[in-house]
Amino acid sequence: LARALAETPGQPYLLYQLGKDHEVYRDYAAAAPLYRQALAAGGQEGWRHDLVVRSLFVLKKLGLHEEAVDLAEAEMAHWQDSPDFYFTLGDLLLDWASSEPTRAAALLPMVEDCWQRCLALGERPERDGAVAGRGSYLAAHNLVVLYENLGMVEQAARLRPLAARR
Protein backbone atom coordinates (compact mmCIF):
# COMPACT_ATOMS: atom_id res chain seq x y z
CA LEU A 1 0.00 0.00 0.00
CA ALA A 2 2.79 2.41 0.88
CA ARG A 3 4.52 1.66 -2.44
CA ALA A 4 1.30 2.14 -4.40
CA LEU A 5 0.65 5.39 -2.56
CA ALA A 6 4.17 6.60 -3.37
CA GLU A 7 3.41 5.96 -7.04
CA THR A 8 0.05 7.74 -6.89
CA PRO A 9 0.28 10.24 -4.02
CA GLY A 10 -2.98 11.46 -2.57
CA GLN A 11 -5.07 8.63 -4.03
CA PRO A 12 -8.02 8.56 -1.58
CA TYR A 13 -8.72 4.84 -1.72
CA LEU A 14 -5.10 3.95 -1.00
CA LEU A 15 -4.98 6.45 1.87
CA TYR A 16 -8.12 4.84 3.29
CA GLN A 17 -6.73 1.31 2.93
CA LEU A 18 -3.39 2.22 4.53
CA GLY A 19 -5.28 3.96 7.34
CA LYS A 20 -7.31 0.78 7.89
CA ASP A 21 -4.10 -1.22 8.05
CA HIS A 22 -2.76 1.04 10.80
CA GLU A 23 -6.10 0.98 12.60
CA VAL A 24 -6.19 -2.83 12.64
CA TYR A 25 -2.88 -2.77 14.50
CA ARG A 26 -4.20 -0.07 16.85
CA ASP A 27 -1.81 2.55 15.54
CA TYR A 28 -4.48 5.23 15.65
CA ALA A 29 -1.95 8.07 15.46
CA ALA A 30 -0.77 6.75 12.09
CA ALA A 31 -4.30 6.04 10.83
CA ALA A 32 -5.79 9.47 11.62
CA PRO A 33 -3.78 11.59 9.15
CA LEU A 34 -4.36 9.06 6.39
CA TYR A 35 -8.10 9.11 7.03
CA ARG A 36 -8.06 12.92 7.10
CA GLN A 37 -6.32 13.01 3.72
CA ALA A 38 -8.70 10.43 2.25
CA LEU A 39 -11.70 12.42 3.49
CA ALA A 40 -10.32 15.63 2.01
CA ALA A 41 -9.46 14.02 -1.34
CA GLY A 42 -12.36 11.59 -1.74
CA GLY A 43 -15.72 11.92 -3.37
CA GLN A 44 -18.81 9.93 -2.51
CA GLU A 45 -17.40 6.50 -3.37
CA GLY A 46 -19.06 3.43 -1.88
CA TRP A 47 -16.39 3.12 0.80
CA ARG A 48 -16.77 6.66 2.17
CA HIS A 49 -19.33 5.47 4.73
CA ASP A 50 -16.78 3.11 6.24
CA LEU A 51 -14.10 5.82 6.06
CA VAL A 52 -16.27 8.28 7.99
CA VAL A 53 -17.24 5.75 10.67
CA ARG A 54 -13.63 4.59 11.05
CA SER A 55 -12.43 8.20 11.24
CA LEU A 56 -14.86 8.93 14.08
CA PHE A 57 -13.64 5.84 15.94
CA VAL A 58 -9.94 6.67 15.47
CA LEU A 59 -10.41 10.29 16.52
CA LYS A 60 -12.26 9.07 19.63
CA LYS A 61 -9.41 6.69 20.46
CA LEU A 62 -6.98 9.64 20.18
CA GLY A 63 -9.18 11.80 22.43
CA LEU A 64 -9.83 14.26 19.60
CA HIS A 65 -13.50 14.57 20.46
CA GLU A 66 -14.08 18.05 19.12
CA GLU A 67 -12.51 17.22 15.76
CA ALA A 68 -14.60 14.06 15.59
CA VAL A 69 -17.82 15.95 16.36
CA ASP A 70 -16.95 18.52 13.69
CA LEU A 71 -16.50 15.67 11.21
CA ALA A 72 -19.78 14.08 12.30
CA GLU A 73 -21.63 17.35 11.86
CA ALA A 74 -20.12 17.85 8.39
CA GLU A 75 -21.02 14.29 7.31
CA MET A 76 -24.34 13.76 9.09
CA ALA A 77 -26.54 14.77 6.17
CA HIS A 78 -25.03 11.95 4.09
CA TRP A 79 -25.63 9.20 6.66
CA GLN A 80 -29.14 9.84 7.98
CA ASP A 81 -30.01 6.18 7.35
CA SER A 82 -26.86 4.67 8.88
CA PRO A 83 -27.08 2.95 12.26
CA ASP A 84 -23.30 2.50 12.10
CA PHE A 85 -22.79 6.26 11.90
CA TYR A 86 -25.12 6.95 14.82
CA PHE A 87 -23.82 4.04 16.88
CA THR A 88 -20.26 5.31 16.52
CA LEU A 89 -21.32 8.90 17.18
CA GLY A 90 -23.09 7.80 20.38
CA ASP A 91 -19.96 5.97 21.48
CA LEU A 92 -17.83 9.02 20.70
CA LEU A 93 -20.11 11.32 22.68
CA LEU A 94 -20.18 8.93 25.64
CA ASP A 95 -16.38 8.76 25.62
CA TRP A 96 -16.24 12.58 25.59
CA ALA A 97 -18.70 12.76 28.49
CA SER A 98 -16.59 10.24 30.42
CA SER A 99 -13.36 12.10 29.80
CA GLU A 100 -14.89 15.51 30.56
CA PRO A 101 -17.64 14.99 33.17
CA THR A 102 -18.60 18.67 33.09
CA ARG A 103 -19.96 18.04 29.58
CA ALA A 104 -21.97 14.95 30.59
CA ALA A 105 -25.26 16.75 31.21
CA ALA A 106 -25.23 18.11 27.67
CA LEU A 107 -23.81 15.02 25.97
CA LEU A 108 -25.72 12.12 27.56
CA PRO A 109 -29.08 13.06 26.01
CA MET A 110 -27.34 13.14 22.62
CA VAL A 111 -25.81 9.72 23.31
CA GLU A 112 -29.28 8.37 24.07
CA ASP A 113 -30.69 9.98 20.91
CA CYS A 114 -27.97 8.41 18.76
CA TRP A 115 -28.59 4.90 20.04
CA GLN A 116 -32.37 5.32 19.90
CA ARG A 117 -31.93 6.39 16.29
CA CYS A 118 -29.99 3.18 15.63
CA LEU A 119 -32.98 1.18 16.85
CA ALA A 120 -35.37 3.24 14.75
CA LEU A 121 -33.23 2.70 11.64
CA GLY A 122 -32.71 -1.01 12.20
CA GLU A 123 -30.05 -3.08 10.53
CA ARG A 124 -28.56 -1.82 7.26
CA PRO A 125 -26.23 -4.59 6.11
CA GLU A 126 -26.00 -3.16 2.57
CA ARG A 127 -23.76 -0.31 3.79
CA ASP A 128 -20.02 -0.69 3.32
CA GLY A 129 -18.48 -1.50 6.68
CA ALA A 130 -21.83 -2.21 8.37
CA VAL A 131 -21.58 -4.08 11.67
CA ALA A 132 -24.39 -6.47 12.55
CA GLY A 133 -26.21 -5.44 15.70
CA ARG A 134 -25.62 -1.70 15.54
CA GLY A 135 -29.20 -1.25 14.41
CA SER A 136 -30.56 -3.66 17.01
CA TYR A 137 -29.07 -5.60 19.94
CA LEU A 138 -25.77 -3.67 20.25
CA ALA A 139 -27.57 -0.33 20.39
CA ALA A 140 -30.12 -1.80 22.81
CA HIS A 141 -27.31 -3.16 25.01
CA ASN A 142 -25.63 0.26 25.15
CA LEU A 143 -28.95 1.89 26.04
CA VAL A 144 -29.58 -0.66 28.79
CA VAL A 145 -26.16 0.10 30.31
CA LEU A 146 -26.73 3.85 29.96
CA TYR A 147 -30.20 3.66 31.51
CA GLU A 148 -29.04 1.45 34.37
CA ASN A 149 -26.22 3.86 35.18
CA LEU A 150 -28.63 6.77 35.11
CA GLY A 151 -31.13 4.95 37.36
CA MET A 152 -33.70 4.67 34.57
CA VAL A 153 -34.74 1.15 35.51
CA GLU A 154 -37.98 0.95 33.52
CA GLN A 155 -36.35 2.05 30.28
CA ALA A 156 -33.55 -0.47 30.79
CA ALA A 157 -36.03 -3.27 31.49
CA ARG A 158 -37.96 -2.54 28.26
CA LEU A 159 -34.82 -2.89 26.14
CA ARG A 160 -33.20 -5.80 27.96
CA PRO A 161 -34.92 -8.49 25.80
CA LEU A 162 -33.68 -6.88 22.58
CA ALA A 163 -30.21 -6.43 24.03
CA ALA A 164 -30.08 -10.16 24.82
CA ARG A 165 -30.71 -11.18 21.18
CA ARG A 166 -27.72 -12.05 19.07
C-alpha atoms as a PDB file:
ATOM      1  CA  LEU A   1       0.000   0.000   0.000  1.00  0.00           C
ATOM      2  CA  ALA A   2       2.791   2.407   0.876  1.00  0.00           C
ATOM      3  CA  ARG A   3       4.520   1.661  -2.445  1.00  0.00           C
ATOM      4  CA  ALA A   4       1.304   2.138  -4.405  1.00  0.00           C
ATOM      5  CA  LEU A   5       0.648   5.393  -2.557  1.00  0.00           C
ATOM      6  CA  ALA A   6       4.172   6.603  -3.372  1.00  0.00           C
ATOM      7  CA  GLU A   7       3.414   5.957  -7.039  1.00  0.00           C
ATOM      8  CA  THR A   8       0.046   7.745  -6.892  1.00  0.00           C
ATOM      9  CA  PRO A   9       0.277  10.241  -4.017  1.00  0.00           C
ATOM     10  CA  GLY A  10      -2.977  11.462  -2.570  1.00  0.00           C
ATOM     11  CA  GLN A  11      -5.072   8.631  -4.026  1.00  0.00           C
ATOM     12  CA  PRO A  12      -8.023   8.556  -1.580  1.00  0.00           C
ATOM     13  CA  TYR A  13      -8.720   4.838  -1.719  1.00  0.00           C
ATOM     14  CA  LEU A  14      -5.100   3.946  -1.005  1.00  0.00           C
ATOM     15  CA  LEU A  15      -4.985   6.447   1.866  1.00  0.00           C
ATOM     16  CA  TYR A  16      -8.121   4.835   3.285  1.00  0.00           C
ATOM     17  CA  GLN A  17      -6.731   1.313   2.935  1.00  0.00           C
ATOM     18  CA  LEU A  18      -3.389   2.216   4.525  1.00  0.00           C
ATOM     19  CA  GLY A  19      -5.278   3.959   7.340  1.00  0.00           C
ATOM     20  CA  LYS A  20      -7.311   0.775   7.888  1.00  0.00           C
ATOM     21  CA  ASP A  21      -4.096  -1.223   8.045  1.00  0.00           C
ATOM     22  CA  HIS A  22      -2.756   1.042  10.803  1.00  0.00           C
ATOM     23  CA  GLU A  23      -6.099   0.978  12.602  1.00  0.00           C
ATOM     24  CA  VAL A  24      -6.195  -2.832  12.638  1.00  0.00           C
ATOM     25  CA  TYR A  25      -2.879  -2.772  14.504  1.00  0.00           C
ATOM     26  CA  ARG A  26      -4.196  -0.068  16.852  1.00  0.00           C
ATOM     27  CA  ASP A  27      -1.806   2.549  15.535  1.00  0.00           C
ATOM     28  CA  TYR A  28      -4.477   5.226  15.654  1.00  0.00           C
ATOM     29  CA  ALA A  29      -1.948   8.071  15.457  1.00  0.00           C
ATOM     30  CA  ALA A  30      -0.771   6.751  12.087  1.00  0.00           C
ATOM     31  CA  ALA A  31      -4.302   6.039  10.825  1.00  0.00           C
ATOM     32  CA  ALA A  32      -5.789   9.466  11.620  1.00  0.00           C
ATOM     33  CA  PRO A  33      -3.776  11.595   9.151  1.00  0.00           C
ATOM     34  CA  LEU A  34      -4.358   9.056   6.385  1.00  0.00           C
ATOM     35  CA  TYR A  35      -8.095   9.112   7.030  1.00  0.00           C
ATOM     36  CA  ARG A  36      -8.056  12.921   7.098  1.00  0.00           C
ATOM     37  CA  GLN A  37      -6.318  13.007   3.720  1.00  0.00           C
ATOM     38  CA  ALA A  38      -8.701  10.432   2.254  1.00  0.00           C
ATOM     39  CA  LEU A  39     -11.699  12.417   3.486  1.00  0.00           C
ATOM     40  CA  ALA A  40     -10.317  15.632   2.008  1.00  0.00           C
ATOM     41  CA  ALA A  41      -9.462  14.023  -1.342  1.00  0.00           C
ATOM     42  CA  GLY A  42     -12.360  11.590  -1.741  1.00  0.00           C
ATOM     43  CA  GLY A  43     -15.717  11.924  -3.373  1.00  0.00           C
ATOM     44  CA  GLN A  44     -18.813   9.929  -2.512  1.00  0.00           C
ATOM     45  CA  GLU A  45     -17.401   6.503  -3.371  1.00  0.00           C
ATOM     46  CA  GLY A  46     -19.064   3.434  -1.877  1.00  0.00           C
ATOM     47  CA  TRP A  47     -16.385   3.122   0.800  1.00  0.00           C
ATOM     48  CA  ARG A  48     -16.774   6.656   2.168  1.00  0.00           C
ATOM     49  CA  HIS A  49     -19.331   5.471   4.728  1.00  0.00           C
ATOM     50  CA  ASP A  50     -16.783   3.109   6.242  1.00  0.00           C
ATOM     51  CA  LEU A  51     -14.096   5.818   6.059  1.00  0.00           C
ATOM     52  CA  VAL A  52     -16.267   8.279   7.991  1.00  0.00           C
ATOM     53  CA  VAL A  53     -17.236   5.749  10.671  1.00  0.00           C
ATOM     54  CA  ARG A  54     -13.631   4.593  11.055  1.00  0.00           C
ATOM     55  CA  SER A  55     -12.434   8.200  11.241  1.00  0.00           C
ATOM     56  CA  LEU A  56     -14.857   8.931  14.079  1.00  0.00           C
ATOM     57  CA  PHE A  57     -13.637   5.843  15.939  1.00  0.00           C
ATOM     58  CA  VAL A  58      -9.945   6.672  15.475  1.00  0.00           C
ATOM     59  CA  LEU A  59     -10.412  10.288  16.524  1.00  0.00           C
ATOM     60  CA  LYS A  60     -12.263   9.072  19.626  1.00  0.00           C
ATOM     61  CA  LYS A  61      -9.408   6.694  20.455  1.00  0.00           C
ATOM     62  CA  LEU A  62      -6.982   9.639  20.177  1.00  0.00           C
ATOM     63  CA  GLY A  63      -9.183  11.800  22.432  1.00  0.00           C
ATOM     64  CA  LEU A  64      -9.834  14.260  19.598  1.00  0.00           C
ATOM     65  CA  HIS A  65     -13.503  14.565  20.458  1.00  0.00           C
ATOM     66  CA  GLU A  66     -14.084  18.054  19.116  1.00  0.00           C
ATOM     67  CA  GLU A  67     -12.508  17.216  15.760  1.00  0.00           C
ATOM     68  CA  ALA A  68     -14.601  14.060  15.586  1.00  0.00           C
ATOM     69  CA  VAL A  69     -17.815  15.947  16.362  1.00  0.00           C
ATOM     70  CA  ASP A  70     -16.953  18.521  13.690  1.00  0.00           C
ATOM     71  CA  LEU A  71     -16.503  15.674  11.208  1.00  0.00           C
ATOM     72  CA  ALA A  72     -19.779  14.077  12.302  1.00  0.00           C
ATOM     73  CA  GLU A  73     -21.632  17.355  11.860  1.00  0.00           C
ATOM     74  CA  ALA A  74     -20.123  17.845   8.392  1.00  0.00           C
ATOM     75  CA  GLU A  75     -21.019  14.294   7.311  1.00  0.00           C
ATOM     76  CA  MET A  76     -24.342  13.756   9.093  1.00  0.00           C
ATOM     77  CA  ALA A  77     -26.536  14.769   6.173  1.00  0.00           C
ATOM     78  CA  HIS A  78     -25.035  11.945   4.086  1.00  0.00           C
ATOM     79  CA  TRP A  79     -25.634   9.196   6.659  1.00  0.00           C
ATOM     80  CA  GLN A  80     -29.139   9.841   7.976  1.00  0.00           C
ATOM     81  CA  ASP A  81     -30.015   6.183   7.355  1.00  0.00           C
ATOM     82  CA  SER A  82     -26.863   4.670   8.881  1.00  0.00           C
ATOM     83  CA  PRO A  83     -27.078   2.946  12.259  1.00  0.00           C
ATOM     84  CA  ASP A  84     -23.296   2.501  12.103  1.00  0.00           C
ATOM     85  CA  PHE A  85     -22.789   6.265  11.897  1.00  0.00           C
ATOM     86  CA  TYR A  86     -25.124   6.953  14.817  1.00  0.00           C
ATOM     87  CA  PHE A  87     -23.821   4.041  16.882  1.00  0.00           C
ATOM     88  CA  THR A  88     -20.260   5.313  16.520  1.00  0.00           C
ATOM     89  CA  LEU A  89     -21.325   8.902  17.182  1.00  0.00           C
ATOM     90  CA  GLY A  90     -23.089   7.803  20.379  1.00  0.00           C
ATOM     91  CA  ASP A  91     -19.958   5.965  21.475  1.00  0.00           C
ATOM     92  CA  LEU A  92     -17.831   9.019  20.698  1.00  0.00           C
ATOM     93  CA  LEU A  93     -20.114  11.323  22.677  1.00  0.00           C
ATOM     94  CA  LEU A  94     -20.182   8.933  25.642  1.00  0.00           C
ATOM     95  CA  ASP A  95     -16.379   8.765  25.618  1.00  0.00           C
ATOM     96  CA  TRP A  96     -16.240  12.576  25.588  1.00  0.00           C
ATOM     97  CA  ALA A  97     -18.700  12.761  28.494  1.00  0.00           C
ATOM     98  CA  SER A  98     -16.590  10.239  30.419  1.00  0.00           C
ATOM     99  CA  SER A  99     -13.357  12.096  29.803  1.00  0.00           C
ATOM    100  CA  GLU A 100     -14.889  15.512  30.562  1.00  0.00           C
ATOM    101  CA  PRO A 101     -17.642  14.989  33.173  1.00  0.00           C
ATOM    102  CA  THR A 102     -18.596  18.674  33.091  1.00  0.00           C
ATOM    103  CA  ARG A 103     -19.965  18.036  29.581  1.00  0.00           C
ATOM    104  CA  ALA A 104     -21.970  14.953  30.589  1.00  0.00           C
ATOM    105  CA  ALA A 105     -25.262  16.748  31.214  1.00  0.00           C
ATOM    106  CA  ALA A 106     -25.231  18.112  27.671  1.00  0.00           C
ATOM    107  CA  LEU A 107     -23.809  15.016  25.967  1.00  0.00           C
ATOM    108  CA  LEU A 108     -25.719  12.124  27.562  1.00  0.00           C
ATOM    109  CA  PRO A 109     -29.081  13.055  26.009  1.00  0.00           C
ATOM    110  CA  MET A 110     -27.336  13.143  22.621  1.00  0.00           C
ATOM    111  CA  VAL A 111     -25.814   9.718  23.311  1.00  0.00           C
ATOM    112  CA  GLU A 112     -29.278   8.371  24.069  1.00  0.00           C
ATOM    113  CA  ASP A 113     -30.687   9.979  20.914  1.00  0.00           C
ATOM    114  CA  CYS A 114     -27.969   8.410  18.764  1.00  0.00           C
ATOM    115  CA  TRP A 115     -28.588   4.896  20.038  1.00  0.00           C
ATOM    116  CA  GLN A 116     -32.368   5.322  19.899  1.00  0.00           C
ATOM    117  CA  ARG A 117     -31.929   6.393  16.287  1.00  0.00           C
ATOM    118  CA  CYS A 118     -29.991   3.176  15.630  1.00  0.00           C
ATOM    119  CA  LEU A 119     -32.978   1.175  16.852  1.00  0.00           C
ATOM    120  CA  ALA A 120     -35.367   3.243  14.747  1.00  0.00           C
ATOM    121  CA  LEU A 121     -33.230   2.703  11.635  1.00  0.00           C
ATOM    122  CA  GLY A 122     -32.713  -1.007  12.199  1.00  0.00           C
ATOM    123  CA  GLU A 123     -30.052  -3.085  10.527  1.00  0.00           C
ATOM    124  CA  ARG A 124     -28.560  -1.819   7.259  1.00  0.00           C
ATOM    125  CA  PRO A 125     -26.232  -4.593   6.107  1.00  0.00           C
ATOM    126  CA  GLU A 126     -25.997  -3.164   2.574  1.00  0.00           C
ATOM    127  CA  ARG A 127     -23.762  -0.308   3.786  1.00  0.00           C
ATOM    128  CA  ASP A 128     -20.021  -0.694   3.324  1.00  0.00           C
ATOM    129  CA  GLY A 129     -18.484  -1.503   6.682  1.00  0.00           C
ATOM    130  CA  ALA A 130     -21.834  -2.207   8.367  1.00  0.00           C
ATOM    131  CA  VAL A 131     -21.576  -4.078  11.666  1.00  0.00           C
ATOM    132  CA  ALA A 132     -24.386  -6.473  12.555  1.00  0.00           C
ATOM    133  CA  GLY A 133     -26.213  -5.435  15.702  1.00  0.00           C
ATOM    134  CA  ARG A 134     -25.620  -1.703  15.538  1.00  0.00           C
ATOM    135  CA  GLY A 135     -29.203  -1.245  14.414  1.00  0.00           C
ATOM    136  CA  SER A 136     -30.558  -3.661  17.011  1.00  0.00           C
ATOM    137  CA  TYR A 137     -29.075  -5.597  19.939  1.00  0.00           C
ATOM    138  CA  LEU A 138     -25.771  -3.675  20.252  1.00  0.00           C
ATOM    139  CA  ALA A 139     -27.568  -0.327  20.391  1.00  0.00           C
ATOM    140  CA  ALA A 140     -30.118  -1.805  22.810  1.00  0.00           C
ATOM    141  CA  HIS A 141     -27.308  -3.156  25.012  1.00  0.00           C
ATOM    142  CA  ASN A 142     -25.635   0.256  25.146  1.00  0.00           C
ATOM    143  CA  LEU A 143     -28.946   1.888  26.036  1.00  0.00           C
ATOM    144  CA  VAL A 144     -29.576  -0.660  28.792  1.00  0.00           C
ATOM    145  CA  VAL A 145     -26.164   0.101  30.306  1.00  0.00           C
ATOM    146  CA  LEU A 146     -26.733   3.846  29.957  1.00  0.00           C
ATOM    147  CA  TYR A 147     -30.196   3.664  31.510  1.00  0.00           C
ATOM    148  CA  GLU A 148     -29.039   1.445  34.366  1.00  0.00           C
ATOM    149  CA  ASN A 149     -26.220   3.857  35.178  1.00  0.00           C
ATOM    150  CA  LEU A 150     -28.635   6.772  35.112  1.00  0.00           C
ATOM    151  CA  GLY A 151     -31.129   4.951  37.362  1.00  0.00           C
ATOM    152  CA  MET A 152     -33.705   4.666  34.575  1.00  0.00           C
ATOM    153  CA  VAL A 153     -34.737   1.146  35.512  1.00  0.00           C
ATOM    154  CA  GLU A 154     -37.985   0.946  33.522  1.00  0.00           C
ATOM    155  CA  GLN A 155     -36.348   2.055  30.277  1.00  0.00           C
ATOM    156  CA  ALA A 156     -33.549  -0.468  30.792  1.00  0.00           C
ATOM    157  CA  ALA A 157     -36.032  -3.265  31.493  1.00  0.00           C
ATOM    158  CA  ARG A 158     -37.961  -2.538  28.263  1.00  0.00           C
ATOM    159  CA  LEU A 159     -34.823  -2.889  26.138  1.00  0.00           C
ATOM    160  CA  ARG A 160     -33.201  -5.799  27.956  1.00  0.00           C
ATOM    161  CA  PRO A 161     -34.917  -8.490  25.798  1.00  0.00           C
ATOM    162  CA  LEU A 162     -33.681  -6.876  22.580  1.00  0.00           C
ATOM    163  CA  ALA A 163     -30.208  -6.427  24.035  1.00  0.00           C
ATOM    164  CA  ALA A 164     -30.080 -10.160  24.824  1.00  0.00           C
ATOM    165  CA  ARG A 165     -30.708 -11.183  21.180  1.00  0.00           C
ATOM    166  CA  ARG A 166     -27.716 -12.051  19.071  1.00  0.00           C
END
